[in-house]
Amino acid sequence: MLLLGFIVILFFNSSWLALFYPIYYKEEIRTHAGTYGLDPLVVAAIIKVETNYKPGAESPKGALGIMQIMPDTADWVVQKAKMDEVELSRVKEESGLNIQIGTWYLDWLGDQFDGNMIAMIAAYNAGPTNVKNWLKSGRWDGKLETAKNIPFGETRHYVQRVAHYYKQYSRIYSDF
């Protein structure tokens, strides 16, 4: 019984859980999320789902870096945010720059969806036009509880996974 109690305490201790749910690039995430007024744990959860923090990632569809930013989106963000022009190879390889571009885009998406974090996450995956159409047509109401109504299976699963990691990170990293 004592051993079971020890295991339960160990399991629910947030520092122990951090071994199973690590966050990398903490300083970059904190800095850029703070700049754009985002919850850094949402950013961390998106990175976890997108690439599991693997730098230099490139998807079969061409998405770049740890936040899996599409090249056209990266170019658009750099222009809109009035950032210095960057080579796409840097967006792919430099995690800090990738996080900066990704958080700017998340902030913009948040504005598009009146701060609805779940709709913002869905739009990060499926694009804002698709999500706006789903909301306008009533196919989905923008809530996690009704994510089963998201028409794209990939986006439905994506939203649920990001929400899962966000919940875990929130329990473990309350001081992040």
Protein backbone atom coordinates (compact mmCIF):
# COMPACT_ATOMS: atom_id res chain seq x y z
CA MET A 1 0.00 0.00 0.00
CA LEU A 2 2.86 2.34 0.80
CA LEU A 3 4.40 1.63 -2.60
CA LEU A 4 1.09 2.40 -4.33
CA GLY A 5 0.85 5.70 -2.44
CA PHE A 6 4.39 6.57 -3.47
CA ILE A 7 3.62 5.78 -7.11
CA VAL A 8 0.47 7.92 -6.99
CA ILE A 9 2.37 10.87 -5.48
CA LEU A 10 5.15 10.45 -8.00
CA PHE A 11 2.73 10.23 -10.90
CA PHE A 12 0.82 13.35 -9.94
CA ASN A 13 3.91 15.37 -9.09
CA SER A 14 4.29 17.92 -11.88
CA SER A 15 8.09 17.67 -12.00
CA TRP A 16 7.80 13.94 -12.64
CA LEU A 17 5.16 14.50 -15.32
CA ALA A 18 7.47 16.99 -17.00
CA LEU A 19 9.64 14.03 -17.99
CA PHE A 20 6.76 12.77 -20.14
CA TYR A 21 5.69 16.22 -21.35
CA PRO A 22 8.88 18.25 -21.82
CA ILE A 23 8.89 21.71 -23.38
CA TYR A 24 11.92 22.76 -25.39
CA TYR A 25 12.75 26.25 -26.64
CA LYS A 26 11.15 27.68 -23.50
CA GLU A 27 12.86 31.07 -23.74
CA GLU A 28 11.96 31.58 -27.40
CA ILE A 29 8.38 30.49 -26.77
CA ARG A 30 8.05 32.76 -23.71
CA THR A 31 9.58 35.73 -25.52
CA HIS A 32 7.56 35.54 -28.73
CA ALA A 33 4.29 34.47 -27.10
CA GLY A 34 4.71 37.40 -24.70
CA THR A 35 5.37 39.82 -27.56
CA TYR A 36 2.09 38.86 -29.20
CA GLY A 37 0.02 38.33 -26.06
CA LEU A 38 -0.38 34.59 -26.51
CA ASP A 39 -0.47 31.86 -23.92
CA PRO A 40 2.98 30.27 -24.26
CA LEU A 41 1.52 26.88 -23.40
CA VAL A 42 -0.71 27.02 -26.49
CA VAL A 43 2.37 27.71 -28.59
CA ALA A 44 4.21 24.84 -26.90
CA ALA A 45 1.27 22.49 -27.50
CA ILE A 46 1.14 23.43 -31.18
CA ILE A 47 4.87 22.81 -31.55
CA LYS A 48 4.52 19.47 -29.75
CA VAL A 49 1.81 18.34 -32.17
CA GLU A 50 3.44 19.80 -35.27
CA THR A 51 6.98 18.40 -34.88
CA ASN A 52 7.58 17.25 -31.32
CA TYR A 53 10.20 20.05 -31.12
CA LYS A 54 12.35 18.64 -33.93
CA PRO A 55 14.23 21.52 -35.56
CA GLY A 56 14.65 21.69 -39.32
CA ALA A 57 11.49 19.73 -40.04
CA GLU A 58 9.87 19.92 -43.46
CA SER A 59 6.54 18.25 -44.18
CA PRO A 60 5.66 16.49 -47.43
CA LYS A 61 3.41 19.51 -48.15
CA GLY A 62 6.37 21.88 -47.67
CA ALA A 63 5.63 23.25 -44.19
CA LEU A 64 8.83 24.43 -42.51
CA GLY A 65 10.45 24.30 -39.09
CA ILE A 66 9.20 23.38 -35.67
CA MET A 67 5.90 25.24 -36.11
CA GLN A 68 5.42 23.88 -39.65
CA ILE A 69 4.84 27.19 -41.39
CA MET A 70 3.96 27.10 -45.07
CA PRO A 71 6.39 29.14 -47.21
CA ASP A 72 3.64 31.44 -48.55
CA THR A 73 2.44 32.07 -45.00
CA ALA A 74 5.99 32.83 -43.86
CA ASP A 75 6.45 35.31 -46.71
CA TRP A 76 3.08 36.92 -45.95
CA VAL A 77 3.84 37.23 -42.21
CA VAL A 78 7.28 38.71 -42.85
CA GLN A 79 5.69 41.32 -45.12
CA LYS A 80 2.70 42.11 -42.85
CA ALA A 81 4.78 42.18 -39.66
CA LYS A 82 7.38 44.35 -41.38
CA MET A 83 10.14 41.92 -40.41
CA ASP A 84 13.45 41.93 -42.23
CA GLU A 85 13.24 39.71 -45.29
CA VAL A 86 14.34 36.18 -44.55
CA GLU A 87 15.41 33.19 -46.59
CA LEU A 88 13.03 30.24 -46.30
CA SER A 89 15.98 28.05 -45.27
CA ARG A 90 16.26 30.22 -42.14
CA VAL A 91 12.54 29.75 -41.41
CA LYS A 92 13.13 26.02 -41.55
CA GLU A 93 16.40 25.85 -39.61
CA GLU A 94 16.23 28.69 -37.06
CA SER A 95 13.74 27.69 -34.39
CA GLY A 96 13.63 31.15 -32.79
CA LEU A 97 12.72 32.79 -36.10
CA ASN A 98 10.19 30.04 -36.82
CA ILE A 99 8.55 30.62 -33.44
CA GLN A 100 8.53 34.38 -34.02
CA ILE A 101 6.74 33.99 -37.36
CA GLY A 102 4.41 31.30 -36.00
CA THR A 103 3.39 33.35 -32.96
CA TRP A 104 2.75 36.44 -35.06
CA TYR A 105 0.50 34.34 -37.27
CA LEU A 106 -1.29 32.82 -34.27
CA ASP A 107 -1.90 36.32 -32.91
CA TRP A 108 -3.34 37.36 -36.27
CA LEU A 109 -5.56 34.25 -36.31
CA GLY A 110 -6.68 35.01 -32.77
CA ASP A 111 -7.82 38.43 -33.98
CA GLN A 112 -9.67 36.83 -36.91
CA PHE A 113 -11.63 34.64 -34.50
CA ASP A 114 -12.23 37.16 -31.71
CA GLY A 115 -9.81 35.42 -29.34
CA ASN A 116 -11.44 31.98 -29.74
CA MET A 117 -8.41 29.80 -29.01
CA ILE A 118 -9.98 26.61 -30.40
CA ALA A 119 -10.96 28.26 -33.69
CA MET A 120 -7.46 29.80 -33.85
CA ILE A 121 -5.89 26.35 -33.46
CA ALA A 122 -8.18 24.88 -36.12
CA ALA A 123 -7.32 27.74 -38.49
CA TYR A 124 -3.60 27.20 -37.90
CA ASN A 125 -4.10 23.72 -39.34
CA ALA A 126 -6.89 24.11 -41.90
CA GLY A 127 -6.53 27.78 -42.82
CA PRO A 128 -8.70 30.69 -41.71
CA THR A 129 -10.98 30.60 -44.76
CA ASN A 130 -12.06 27.03 -44.08
CA VAL A 131 -12.72 27.72 -40.40
CA LYS A 132 -14.66 30.91 -41.17
CA ASN A 133 -16.80 28.95 -43.63
CA TRP A 134 -17.50 26.22 -41.06
CA LEU A 135 -18.50 28.77 -38.45
CA LYS A 136 -20.63 30.82 -40.87
CA SER A 137 -22.45 27.76 -42.21
CA GLY A 138 -23.04 26.34 -38.73
CA ARG A 139 -21.14 23.11 -39.45
CA TRP A 140 -19.02 23.81 -36.36
CA ASP A 141 -19.46 26.31 -33.53
CA GLY A 142 -15.78 26.81 -32.68
CA LYS A 143 -15.87 24.91 -29.38
CA LEU A 144 -13.66 22.04 -28.27
CA GLU A 145 -16.72 20.13 -27.03
CA THR A 146 -18.05 20.03 -30.58
CA ALA A 147 -14.75 19.38 -32.36
CA LYS A 148 -16.27 16.16 -33.69
CA ASN A 149 -18.18 18.44 -36.11
CA ILE A 150 -15.02 19.79 -37.74
CA PRO A 151 -15.34 18.64 -41.35
CA PHE A 152 -11.65 17.81 -41.91
CA GLY A 153 -10.58 14.70 -40.01
CA GLU A 154 -6.97 15.90 -39.87
CA THR A 155 -8.02 19.22 -38.34
CA ARG A 156 -10.45 17.58 -35.93
CA HIS A 157 -7.68 15.31 -34.66
CA TYR A 158 -5.19 18.20 -34.62
CA VAL A 159 -7.44 20.38 -32.45
CA GLN A 160 -8.03 17.52 -30.02
CA ARG A 161 -4.29 16.73 -29.76
CA VAL A 162 -3.28 20.38 -29.24
CA ALA A 163 -5.99 20.73 -26.58
CA HIS A 164 -4.72 17.56 -24.87
CA TYR A 165 -1.13 18.82 -24.70
CA TYR A 166 -2.29 22.26 -23.63
CA LYS A 167 -4.21 20.69 -20.74
CA GLN A 168 -1.21 18.59 -19.70
CA TYR A 169 1.20 21.52 -19.99
CA SER A 170 -1.17 23.71 -17.96
CA ARG A 171 -1.15 21.15 -15.13
CA ILE A 172 2.62 20.70 -15.18
CA TYR A 173 3.96 24.16 -16.04
CA SER A 174 1.74 26.46 -14.03
CA ASP A 175 4.63 28.92 -13.69
CA PHE A 176 5.56 28.99 -17.40
